[in-house]
PDB file of all heavy atoms in Angstrom:
ATOM      1  N   VAL A   1     -11.822  -0.423  22.550  1.00  0.00           N
ATOM      2  CA  VAL A   1     -10.962  -0.340  21.370  1.00  0.00           C
ATOM      3  C   VAL A   1     -11.513   0.763  20.463  1.00  0.00           C
ATOM      4  O   VAL A   1     -12.693   1.116  20.537  1.00  0.00           O
ATOM      5  CB  VAL A   1     -10.910  -1.672  20.592  1.00  0.00           C
ATOM      6  CG1 VAL A   1     -10.372  -2.791  21.465  1.00  0.00           C
ATOM      7  CG2 VAL A   1     -12.286  -2.039  20.043  1.00  0.00           C
ATOM      8  N   SER A   2     -10.655   1.305  19.623  1.00  0.00           N
ATOM      9  CA  SER A   2     -11.067   2.277  18.615  1.00  0.00           C
ATOM     10  C   SER A   2     -10.607   1.791  17.250  1.00  0.00           C
ATOM     11  O   SER A   2      -9.463   1.336  17.108  1.00  0.00           O
ATOM     12  CB  SER A   2     -10.485   3.663  18.912  1.00  0.00           C
ATOM     13  OG  SER A   2     -11.057   4.222  20.082  1.00  0.00           O
ATOM     14  N   VAL A   3     -11.494   1.891  16.262  1.00  0.00           N
ATOM     15  CA  VAL A   3     -11.228   1.392  14.909  1.00  0.00           C
ATOM     16  C   VAL A   3     -11.705   2.441  13.914  1.00  0.00           C
ATOM     17  O   VAL A   3     -12.768   3.039  14.096  1.00  0.00           O
ATOM     18  CB  VAL A   3     -11.963   0.064  14.651  1.00  0.00           C
ATOM     19  CG1 VAL A   3     -11.682  -0.425  13.231  1.00  0.00           C
ATOM     20  CG2 VAL A   3     -11.582  -0.988  15.675  1.00  0.00           C
ATOM     21  N   GLN A   4     -10.914   2.650  12.870  1.00  0.00           N
ATOM     22  CA  GLN A   4     -11.306   3.596  11.831  1.00  0.00           C
ATOM     23  C   GLN A   4     -11.037   2.997  10.451  1.00  0.00           C
ATOM     24  O   GLN A   4     -10.020   2.342  10.234  1.00  0.00           O
ATOM     25  CB  GLN A   4     -10.530   4.903  11.961  1.00  0.00           C
ATOM     26  CG  GLN A   4     -10.939   5.977  10.956  1.00  0.00           C
ATOM     27  CD  GLN A   4     -10.204   7.276  11.175  1.00  0.00           C
ATOM     28  OE1 GLN A   4      -9.087   7.458  10.710  1.00  0.00           O
ATOM     29  NE2 GLN A   4     -10.832   8.195  11.914  1.00  0.00           N
ATOM     30  N   MET A   5     -11.974   3.225   9.538  1.00  0.00           N
ATOM     31  CA  MET A   5     -11.800   2.878   8.128  1.00  0.00           C
ATOM     32  C   MET A   5     -11.819   4.175   7.341  1.00  0.00           C
ATOM     33  O   MET A   5     -12.763   4.953   7.448  1.00  0.00           O
ATOM     34  CB  MET A   5     -12.912   1.951   7.655  1.00  0.00           C
ATOM     35  CG  MET A   5     -12.881   1.642   6.166  1.00  0.00           C
ATOM     36  SD  MET A   5     -14.267   0.564   5.685  1.00  0.00           S
ATOM     37  CE  MET A   5     -14.054   0.530   3.898  1.00  0.00           C
ATOM     38  N   GLU A   6     -10.770   4.426   6.567  1.00  0.00           N
ATOM     39  CA  GLU A   6     -10.734   5.598   5.698  1.00  0.00           C
ATOM     40  C   GLU A   6     -10.712   5.128   4.256  1.00  0.00           C
ATOM     41  O   GLU A   6      -9.932   4.248   3.895  1.00  0.00           O
ATOM     42  CB  GLU A   6      -9.530   6.483   5.992  1.00  0.00           C
ATOM     43  CG  GLU A   6      -9.532   7.764   5.179  1.00  0.00           C
ATOM     44  CD  GLU A   6      -8.598   8.839   5.724  1.00  0.00           C
ATOM     45  OE1 GLU A   6      -7.711   8.502   6.528  1.00  0.00           O
ATOM     46  OE2 GLU A   6      -8.757  10.005   5.335  1.00  0.00           O
ATOM     47  N   VAL A   7     -11.578   5.714   3.420  1.00  0.00           N
ATOM     48  CA  VAL A   7     -11.737   5.292   2.032  1.00  0.00           C
ATOM     49  C   VAL A   7     -11.465   6.473   1.113  1.00  0.00           C
ATOM     50  O   VAL A   7     -11.964   7.576   1.349  1.00  0.00           O
ATOM     51  CB  VAL A   7     -13.166   4.766   1.782  1.00  0.00           C
ATOM     52  CG1 VAL A   7     -13.250   4.126   0.399  1.00  0.00           C
ATOM     53  CG2 VAL A   7     -13.576   3.773   2.853  1.00  0.00           C
ATOM     54  N   TRP A   8     -10.677   6.240   0.063  1.00  0.00           N
ATOM     55  CA  TRP A   8     -10.412   7.242  -0.960  1.00  0.00           C
ATOM     56  C   TRP A   8     -11.336   7.003  -2.152  1.00  0.00           C
ATOM     57  O   TRP A   8     -11.697   5.853  -2.435  1.00  0.00           O
ATOM     58  CB  TRP A   8      -8.956   7.161  -1.411  1.00  0.00           C
ATOM     59  CG  TRP A   8      -7.972   7.803  -0.495  1.00  0.00           C
ATOM     60  CD1 TRP A   8      -7.308   8.977  -0.687  1.00  0.00           C
ATOM     61  CD2 TRP A   8      -7.518   7.302   0.773  1.00  0.00           C
ATOM     62  NE1 TRP A   8      -6.482   9.243   0.384  1.00  0.00           N
ATOM     63  CE2 TRP A   8      -6.589   8.241   1.291  1.00  0.00           C
ATOM     64  CE3 TRP A   8      -7.812   6.168   1.540  1.00  0.00           C
ATOM     65  CZ2 TRP A   8      -5.958   8.074   2.517  1.00  0.00           C
ATOM     66  CZ3 TRP A   8      -7.191   5.999   2.755  1.00  0.00           C
ATOM     67  CH2 TRP A   8      -6.268   6.939   3.237  1.00  0.00           C
ATOM     68  N   PRO A   9     -11.719   8.051  -2.886  1.00  0.00           N
ATOM     69  CA  PRO A   9     -12.599   7.859  -4.057  1.00  0.00           C
ATOM     70  C   PRO A   9     -12.035   6.882  -5.080  1.00  0.00           C
ATOM     71  O   PRO A   9     -12.786   6.250  -5.823  1.00  0.00           O
ATOM     72  CB  PRO A   9     -12.720   9.277  -4.636  1.00  0.00           C
ATOM     73  CG  PRO A   9     -12.523  10.179  -3.468  1.00  0.00           C
ATOM     74  CD  PRO A   9     -11.493   9.487  -2.602  1.00  0.00           C
ATOM     75  N   SER A  10     -10.718   6.738  -5.127  1.00  0.00           N
ATOM     76  CA  SER A  10     -10.092   5.833  -6.089  1.00  0.00           C
ATOM     77  C   SER A  10     -10.302   4.363  -5.744  1.00  0.00           C
ATOM     78  O   SER A  10     -10.029   3.488  -6.572  1.00  0.00           O
ATOM     79  CB  SER A  10      -8.591   6.115  -6.160  1.00  0.00           C
ATOM     80  OG  SER A  10      -7.971   5.818  -4.908  1.00  0.00           O
ATOM     81  N   GLY A  11     -10.779   4.069  -4.536  1.00  0.00           N
ATOM     82  CA  GLY A  11     -10.933   2.687  -4.108  1.00  0.00           C
ATOM     83  C   GLY A  11      -9.888   2.244  -3.114  1.00  0.00           C
ATOM     84  O   GLY A  11      -9.960   1.143  -2.579  1.00  0.00           O
ATOM     85  N   ARG A  12      -8.924   3.101  -2.829  1.00  0.00           N
ATOM     86  CA  ARG A  12      -7.922   2.806  -1.799  1.00  0.00           C
ATOM     87  C   ARG A  12      -8.596   2.888  -0.431  1.00  0.00           C
ATOM     88  O   ARG A  12      -9.458   3.738  -0.194  1.00  0.00           O
ATOM     89  CB  ARG A  12      -6.802   3.826  -1.914  1.00  0.00           C
ATOM     90  CG  ARG A  12      -5.810   3.872  -0.780  1.00  0.00           C
ATOM     91  CD  ARG A  12      -4.839   5.015  -1.045  1.00  0.00           C
ATOM     92  NE  ARG A  12      -3.989   5.305   0.079  1.00  0.00           N
ATOM     93  CZ  ARG A  12      -3.126   6.322   0.139  1.00  0.00           C
ATOM     94  NH1 ARG A  12      -3.025   7.138  -0.903  1.00  0.00           N
ATOM     95  NH2 ARG A  12      -2.388   6.523   1.200  1.00  0.00           N
ATOM     96  N   PHE A  13      -8.241   1.994   0.500  1.00  0.00           N
ATOM     97  CA  PHE A  13      -8.808   2.072   1.837  1.00  0.00           C
ATOM     98  C   PHE A  13      -7.782   1.622   2.878  1.00  0.00           C
ATOM     99  O   PHE A  13      -6.897   0.812   2.605  1.00  0.00           O
ATOM    100  CB  PHE A  13     -10.105   1.268   1.955  1.00  0.00           C
ATOM    101  CG  PHE A  13      -9.985  -0.205   1.620  1.00  0.00           C
ATOM    102  CD1 PHE A  13      -9.885  -1.163   2.616  1.00  0.00           C
ATOM    103  CD2 PHE A  13      -9.998  -0.635   0.299  1.00  0.00           C
ATOM    104  CE1 PHE A  13      -9.790  -2.515   2.317  1.00  0.00           C
ATOM    105  CE2 PHE A  13      -9.905  -1.989  -0.021  1.00  0.00           C
ATOM    106  CZ  PHE A  13      -9.798  -2.929   0.994  1.00  0.00           C
ATOM    107  N   THR A  14      -7.911   2.202   4.072  1.00  0.00           N
ATOM    108  CA  THR A  14      -6.986   1.938   5.174  1.00  0.00           C
ATOM    109  C   THR A  14      -7.779   1.697   6.447  1.00  0.00           C
ATOM    110  O   THR A  14      -8.765   2.380   6.716  1.00  0.00           O
ATOM    111  CB  THR A  14      -6.025   3.119   5.375  1.00  0.00           C
ATOM    112  OG1 THR A  14      -5.156   3.236   4.233  1.00  0.00           O
ATOM    113  CG2 THR A  14      -5.157   2.926   6.612  1.00  0.00           C
ATOM    114  N   TYR A  15      -7.350   0.698   7.231  1.00  0.00           N
ATOM    115  CA  TYR A  15      -7.915   0.460   8.548  1.00  0.00           C
ATOM    116  C   TYR A  15      -6.914   0.940   9.599  1.00  0.00           C
ATOM    117  O   TYR A  15      -5.709   0.710   9.467  1.00  0.00           O
ATOM    118  CB  TYR A  15      -8.179  -1.031   8.779  1.00  0.00           C
ATOM    119  CG  TYR A  15      -9.108  -1.688   7.789  1.00  0.00           C
ATOM    120  CD1 TYR A  15      -9.033  -3.052   7.530  1.00  0.00           C
ATOM    121  CD2 TYR A  15     -10.083  -0.958   7.108  1.00  0.00           C
ATOM    122  CE1 TYR A  15      -9.891  -3.679   6.646  1.00  0.00           C
ATOM    123  CE2 TYR A  15     -10.941  -1.572   6.212  1.00  0.00           C
ATOM    124  CZ  TYR A  15     -10.842  -2.936   5.973  1.00  0.00           C
ATOM    125  OH  TYR A  15     -11.690  -3.549   5.081  1.00  0.00           O
ATOM    126  N   ARG A  16      -7.412   1.595  10.658  1.00  0.00           N
ATOM    127  CA  ARG A  16      -6.551   2.066  11.753  1.00  0.00           C
ATOM    128  C   ARG A  16      -7.099   1.571  13.084  1.00  0.00           C
ATOM    129  O   ARG A  16      -8.314   1.440  13.247  1.00  0.00           O
ATOM    130  CB  ARG A  16      -6.467   3.599  11.744  1.00  0.00           C
ATOM    131  CG  ARG A  16      -5.937   4.172  10.437  1.00  0.00           C
ATOM    132  CD  ARG A  16      -5.669   5.662  10.540  1.00  0.00           C
ATOM    133  NE  ARG A  16      -5.181   6.183   9.270  1.00  0.00           N
ATOM    134  CZ  ARG A  16      -5.932   6.827   8.384  1.00  0.00           C
ATOM    135  NH1 ARG A  16      -7.217   7.059   8.658  1.00  0.00           N
ATOM    136  NH2 ARG A  16      -5.434   7.256   7.251  1.00  0.00           N
ATOM    137  N   TYR A  17      -6.177   1.352  14.047  1.00  0.00           N
ATOM    138  CA  TYR A  17      -6.574   0.723  15.298  1.00  0.00           C
ATOM    139  C   TYR A  17      -5.895   1.362  16.503  1.00  0.00           C
ATOM    140  O   TYR A  17      -4.762   1.837  16.419  1.00  0.00           O
ATOM    141  CB  TYR A  17      -6.198  -0.772  15.288  1.00  0.00           C
ATOM    142  CG  TYR A  17      -6.747  -1.542  14.120  1.00  0.00           C
ATOM    143  CD1 TYR A  17      -5.993  -1.706  12.957  1.00  0.00           C
ATOM    144  CD2 TYR A  17      -8.022  -2.089  14.167  1.00  0.00           C
ATOM    145  CE1 TYR A  17      -6.504  -2.414  11.874  1.00  0.00           C
ATOM    146  CE2 TYR A  17      -8.533  -2.791  13.087  1.00  0.00           C
ATOM    147  CZ  TYR A  17      -7.776  -2.953  11.948  1.00  0.00           C
ATOM    148  OH  TYR A  17      -8.275  -3.637  10.879  1.00  0.00           O
ATOM    149  N   ASP A  18      -6.623   1.343  17.623  1.00  0.00           N
ATOM    150  CA  ASP A  18      -6.029   1.533  18.942  1.00  0.00           C
ATOM    151  C   ASP A  18      -6.517   0.371  19.795  1.00  0.00           C
ATOM    152  O   ASP A  18      -7.640   0.384  20.318  1.00  0.00           O
ATOM    153  CB  ASP A  18      -6.443   2.868  19.561  1.00  0.00           C
ATOM    154  CG  ASP A  18      -5.875   3.045  20.974  1.00  0.00           C
ATOM    155  OD1 ASP A  18      -5.047   2.200  21.382  1.00  0.00           O
ATOM    156  OD2 ASP A  18      -6.266   3.996  21.664  1.00  0.00           O
ATOM    157  N   LEU A  19      -5.661  -0.653  19.913  1.00  0.00           N
ATOM    158  CA  LEU A  19      -5.967  -1.842  20.710  1.00  0.00           C
ATOM    159  C   LEU A  19      -5.101  -1.886  21.957  1.00  0.00           C
ATOM    160  O   LEU A  19      -4.962  -2.928  22.588  1.00  0.00           O
ATOM    161  CB  LEU A  19      -5.743  -3.112  19.867  1.00  0.00           C
ATOM    162  CG  LEU A  19      -6.398  -3.129  18.474  1.00  0.00           C
ATOM    163  CD1 LEU A  19      -6.015  -4.402  17.736  1.00  0.00           C
ATOM    164  CD2 LEU A  19      -7.906  -3.005  18.580  1.00  0.00           C
ATOM    165  N   SER A  20      -4.514  -0.751  22.308  1.00  0.00           N
ATOM    166  CA  SER A  20      -3.495  -0.704  23.353  1.00  0.00           C
ATOM    167  C   SER A  20      -4.031  -1.026  24.742  1.00  0.00           C
ATOM    168  O   SER A  20      -3.261  -1.380  25.632  1.00  0.00           O
ATOM    169  CB  SER A  20      -2.835   0.683  23.372  1.00  0.00           C
ATOM    170  OG  SER A  20      -3.806   1.697  23.647  1.00  0.00           O
ATOM    171  N   ARG A  21      -5.355  -0.903  24.928  1.00  0.00           N
ATOM    172  CA  ARG A  21      -5.895  -1.144  26.270  1.00  0.00           C
ATOM    173  C   ARG A  21      -6.330  -2.593  26.483  1.00  0.00           C
ATOM    174  O   ARG A  21      -6.858  -2.939  27.545  1.00  0.00           O
ATOM    175  CB  ARG A  21      -7.068  -0.186  26.516  1.00  0.00           C
ATOM    176  CG  ARG A  21      -6.624   1.257  26.705  1.00  0.00           C
ATOM    177  CD  ARG A  21      -7.785   2.223  26.609  1.00  0.00           C
ATOM    178  NE  ARG A  21      -8.267   2.325  25.237  1.00  0.00           N
ATOM    179  CZ  ARG A  21      -9.282   3.096  24.867  1.00  0.00           C
ATOM    180  NH1 ARG A  21      -9.922   3.813  25.778  1.00  0.00           N
ATOM    181  NH2 ARG A  21      -9.663   3.145  23.609  1.00  0.00           N
ATOM    182  N   LEU A  22      -6.103  -3.441  25.492  1.00  0.00           N
ATOM    183  CA  LEU A  22      -6.408  -4.862  25.649  1.00  0.00           C
ATOM    184  C   LEU A  22      -5.249  -5.567  26.333  1.00  0.00           C
ATOM    185  O   LEU A  22      -4.099  -5.367  25.980  1.00  0.00           O
ATOM    186  CB  LEU A  22      -6.668  -5.500  24.278  1.00  0.00           C
ATOM    187  CG  LEU A  22      -7.814  -4.912  23.454  1.00  0.00           C
ATOM    188  CD1 LEU A  22      -7.935  -5.662  22.134  1.00  0.00           C
ATOM    189  CD2 LEU A  22      -9.125  -4.960  24.221  1.00  0.00           C
ATOM    190  N   ASP A  23      -5.565  -6.400  27.288  1.00  0.00           N
ATOM    191  CA  ASP A  23      -4.528  -7.113  28.038  1.00  0.00           C
ATOM    192  C   ASP A  23      -4.222  -8.457  27.372  1.00  0.00           C
ATOM    193  O   ASP A  23      -4.258  -9.511  28.000  1.00  0.00           O
ATOM    194  CB  ASP A  23      -4.984  -7.306  29.481  1.00  0.00           C
ATOM    195  CG  ASP A  23      -3.853  -7.837  30.370  1.00  0.00           C
ATOM    196  OD1 ASP A  23      -2.679  -7.651  29.987  1.00  0.00           O
ATOM    197  OD2 ASP A  23      -4.154  -8.437  31.414  1.00  0.00           O
ATOM    198  N   VAL A  24      -3.954  -8.420  26.069  1.00  0.00           N
ATOM    199  CA  VAL A  24      -3.604  -9.615  25.303  1.00  0.00           C
ATOM    200  C   VAL A  24      -2.546  -9.234  24.276  1.00  0.00           C
ATOM    201  O   VAL A  24      -2.370  -8.064  23.953  1.00  0.00           O
ATOM    202  CB  VAL A  24      -4.839 -10.216  24.573  1.00  0.00           C
ATOM    203  CG1 VAL A  24      -5.871 -10.705  25.571  1.00  0.00           C
ATOM    204  CG2 VAL A  24      -5.452  -9.185  23.625  1.00  0.00           C
ATOM    205  N   GLU A  25      -1.839 -10.221  23.770  1.00  0.00           N
ATOM    206  CA  GLU A  25      -0.866  -9.975  22.711  1.00  0.00           C
ATOM    207  C   GLU A  25      -1.479 -10.161  21.334  1.00  0.00           C
ATOM    208  O   GLU A  25      -0.970  -9.632  20.351  1.00  0.00           O
ATOM    209  CB  GLU A  25       0.336 -10.909  22.868  1.00  0.00           C
ATOM    210  CG  GLU A  25       1.173 -10.628  24.114  1.00  0.00           C
ATOM    211  CD  GLU A  25       2.411 -11.486  24.175  1.00  0.00           C
ATOM    212  OE1 GLU A  25       2.586 -12.342  23.271  1.00  0.00           O
ATOM    213  OE2 GLU A  25       3.204 -11.309  25.117  1.00  0.00           O
ATOM    214  N   GLU A  26      -2.585 -10.917  21.253  1.00  0.00           N
ATOM    215  CA  GLU A  26      -3.226 -11.187  19.971  1.00  0.00           C
ATOM    216  C   GLU A  26      -4.736 -11.250  20.163  1.00  0.00           C
ATOM    217  O   GLU A  26      -5.224 -11.826  21.137  1.00  0.00           O
ATOM    218  CB  GLU A  26      -2.717 -12.499  19.381  1.00  0.00           C
ATOM    219  CG  GLU A  26      -3.230 -12.793  17.987  1.00  0.00           C
ATOM    220  CD  GLU A  26      -2.623 -14.059  17.409  1.00  0.00           C
ATOM    221  OE1 GLU A  26      -2.208 -14.925  18.207  1.00  0.00           O
ATOM    222  OE2 GLU A  26      -2.564 -14.187  16.179  1.00  0.00           O
ATOM    223  N   VAL A  27      -5.456 -10.627  19.230  1.00  0.00           N
ATOM    224  CA  VAL A  27      -6.913 -10.673  19.242  1.00  0.00           C
ATOM    225  C   VAL A  27      -7.347 -11.745  18.247  1.00  0.00           C
ATOM    226  O   VAL A  27      -7.030 -11.661  17.057  1.00  0.00           O
ATOM    227  CB  VAL A  27      -7.513  -9.306  18.846  1.00  0.00           C
ATOM    228  CG1 VAL A  27      -9.034  -9.358  18.920  1.00  0.00           C
ATOM    229  CG2 VAL A  27      -6.972  -8.208  19.737  1.00  0.00           C
ATOM    230  N   THR A  28      -8.066 -12.752  18.735  1.00  0.00           N
ATOM    231  CA  THR A  28      -8.405 -13.887  17.875  1.00  0.00           C
ATOM    232  C   THR A  28      -9.880 -13.943  17.505  1.00  0.00           C
ATOM    233  O   THR A  28     -10.247 -14.609  16.549  1.00  0.00           O
ATOM    234  CB  THR A  28      -8.025 -15.213  18.567  1.00  0.00           C
ATOM    235  OG1 THR A  28      -8.680 -15.272  19.850  1.00  0.00           O
ATOM    236  CG2 THR A  28      -6.523 -15.306  18.768  1.00  0.00           C
ATOM    237  N   ASN A  29     -10.739 -13.289  18.254  1.00  0.00           N
ATOM    238  CA  ASN A  29     -12.183 -13.354  17.977  1.00  0.00           C
ATOM    239  C   ASN A  29     -12.614 -12.182  17.117  1.00  0.00           C
ATOM    240  O   ASN A  29     -13.476 -11.393  17.496  1.00  0.00           O
ATOM    241  CB  ASN A  29     -12.961 -13.371  19.288  1.00  0.00           C
ATOM    242  CG  ASN A  29     -12.560 -12.234  20.210  1.00  0.00           C
ATOM    243  OD1 ASN A  29     -11.523 -11.605  20.023  1.00  0.00           O
ATOM    244  ND2 ASN A  29     -13.390 -11.960  21.209  1.00  0.00           N
ATOM    245  N   VAL A  30     -12.015 -12.076  15.929  1.00  0.00           N
ATOM    246  CA  VAL A  30     -12.261 -10.923  15.072  1.00  0.00           C
ATOM    247  C   VAL A  30     -12.089 -11.326  13.608  1.00  0.00           C
ATOM    248  O   VAL A  30     -11.307 -12.229  13.294  1.00  0.00           O
ATOM    249  CB  VAL A  30     -11.279  -9.775  15.436  1.00  0.00           C
ATOM    250  CG1 VAL A  30      -9.845 -10.212  15.215  1.00  0.00           C
ATOM    251  CG2 VAL A  30     -11.584  -8.517  14.640  1.00  0.00           C
ATOM    252  N   LEU A  31     -12.843 -10.682  12.710  1.00  0.00           N
ATOM    253  CA  LEU A  31     -12.676 -10.861  11.271  1.00  0.00           C
ATOM    254  C   LEU A  31     -12.212  -9.535  10.684  1.00  0.00           C
ATOM    255  O   LEU A  31     -12.891  -8.517  10.846  1.00  0.00           O
ATOM    256  CB  LEU A  31     -13.993 -11.294  10.622  1.00  0.00           C
ATOM    257  CG  LEU A  31     -13.975 -11.435   9.090  1.00  0.00           C
ATOM    258  CD1 LEU A  31     -13.024 -12.546   8.660  1.00  0.00           C
ATOM    259  CD2 LEU A  31     -15.380 -11.698   8.553  1.00  0.00           C
ATOM    260  N   VAL A  32     -11.072  -9.552  10.012  1.00  0.00           N
ATOM    261  CA  VAL A  32     -10.505  -8.357   9.399  1.00  0.00           C
ATOM    262  C   VAL A  32     -10.203  -8.657   7.942  1.00  0.00           C
ATOM    263  O   VAL A  32      -9.623  -9.706   7.629  1.00  0.00           O
ATOM    264  CB  VAL A  32      -9.218  -7.917  10.124  1.00  0.00           C
ATOM    265  CG1 VAL A  32      -8.546  -6.765   9.388  1.00  0.00           C
ATOM    266  CG2 VAL A  32      -9.532  -7.508  11.562  1.00  0.00           C
ATOM    267  N   GLY A  33     -10.574  -7.757   7.037  1.00  0.00           N
ATOM    268  CA  GLY A  33     -10.270  -7.953   5.622  1.00  0.00           C
ATOM    269  C   GLY A  33     -11.299  -7.271   4.740  1.00  0.00           C
ATOM    270  O   GLY A  33     -11.955  -6.307   5.136  1.00  0.00           O
ATOM    271  N   ALA A  34     -11.448  -7.788   3.519  1.00  0.00           N
ATOM    272  CA  ALA A  34     -12.397  -7.222   2.565  1.00  0.00           C
ATOM    273  C   ALA A  34     -12.689  -8.268   1.499  1.00  0.00           C
ATOM    274  O   ALA A  34     -11.929  -9.228   1.315  1.00  0.00           O
ATOM    275  CB  ALA A  34     -11.838  -5.948   1.919  1.00  0.00           C
ATOM    276  N   CYS A  35     -13.813  -8.059   0.780  1.00  0.00           N
ATOM    277  CA  CYS A  35     -14.243  -9.001  -0.251  1.00  0.00           C
ATOM    278  C   CYS A  35     -14.798  -8.221  -1.433  1.00  0.00           C
ATOM    279  O   CYS A  35     -15.563  -7.273  -1.254  1.00  0.00           O
ATOM    280  CB  CYS A  35     -15.311  -9.932   0.318  1.00  0.00           C
ATOM    281  SG  CYS A  35     -16.066 -11.039  -0.897  1.00  0.00           S
ATOM    282  N   LEU A  36     -14.418  -8.612  -2.647  1.00  0.00           N
ATOM    283  CA  LEU A  36     -14.947  -8.018  -3.866  1.00  0.00           C
ATOM    284  C   LEU A  36     -15.138  -9.109  -4.907  1.00  0.00           C
ATOM    285  O   LEU A  36     -14.219  -9.879  -5.179  1.00  0.00           O
ATOM    286  CB  LEU A  36     -14.002  -6.942  -4.408  1.00  0.00           C
ATOM    287  CG  LEU A  36     -14.354  -6.352  -5.777  1.00  0.00           C
ATOM    288  CD1 LEU A  36     -15.723  -5.689  -5.736  1.00  0.00           C
ATOM    289  CD2 LEU A  36     -13.302  -5.347  -6.212  1.00  0.00           C
ATOM    290  N   GLY A  37     -16.340  -9.185  -5.460  1.00  0.00           N
ATOM    291  CA  GLY A  37     -16.597 -10.173  -6.495  1.00  0.00           C
ATOM    292  C   GLY A  37     -16.459 -11.594  -6.026  1.00  0.00           C
ATOM    293  O   GLY A  37     -16.107 -12.481  -6.805  1.00  0.00           O
ATOM    294  N   GLY A  38     -16.743 -11.846  -4.746  1.00  0.00           N
ATOM    295  CA  GLY A  38     -16.634 -13.188  -4.203  1.00  0.00           C
ATOM    296  C   GLY A  38     -15.225 -13.595  -3.843  1.00  0.00           C
ATOM    297  O   GLY A  38     -14.993 -14.692  -3.343  1.00  0.00           O
ATOM    298  N   LEU A  39     -14.237 -12.734  -4.099  1.00  0.00           N
ATOM    299  CA  LEU A  39     -12.851 -13.014  -3.766  1.00  0.00           C
ATOM    300  C   LEU A  39     -12.447 -12.121  -2.600  1.00  0.00           C
ATOM    301  O   LEU A  39     -12.734 -10.929  -2.597  1.00  0.00           O
ATOM    302  CB  LEU A  39     -11.935 -12.762  -4.964  1.00  0.00           C
ATOM    303  CG  LEU A  39     -12.236 -13.636  -6.184  1.00  0.00           C
ATOM    304  CD1 LEU A  39     -11.508 -13.098  -7.407  1.00  0.00           C
ATOM    305  CD2 LEU A  39     -11.822 -15.070  -5.922  1.00  0.00           C
ATOM    306  N   GLU A  40     -11.778 -12.683  -1.613  1.00  0.00           N
ATOM    307  CA  GLU A  40     -11.539 -11.933  -0.391  1.00  0.00           C
ATOM    308  C   GLU A  40     -10.118 -12.108   0.122  1.00  0.00           C
ATOM    309  O   GLU A  40      -9.399 -13.046  -0.237  1.00  0.00           O
ATOM    310  CB  GLU A  40     -12.528 -12.371   0.689  1.00  0.00           C
ATOM    311  CG  GLU A  40     -12.389 -13.838   1.076  1.00  0.00           C
ATOM    312  CD  GLU A  40     -13.458 -14.272   2.069  1.00  0.00           C
ATOM    313  OE1 GLU A  40     -14.577 -13.728   2.030  1.00  0.00           O
ATOM    314  OE2 GLU A  40     -13.157 -15.159   2.883  1.00  0.00           O
TER     315      GLU A  40
END
């Protein structure tokens, strides 16, 4: 798999993925997201 995180100086951020080679419809063993100040 390939994963990219792009961050802007303003605090904007984007995650990008290439999961096309996985032989599944859903990936379940993964944590995706973000946390700030204890809130996520």
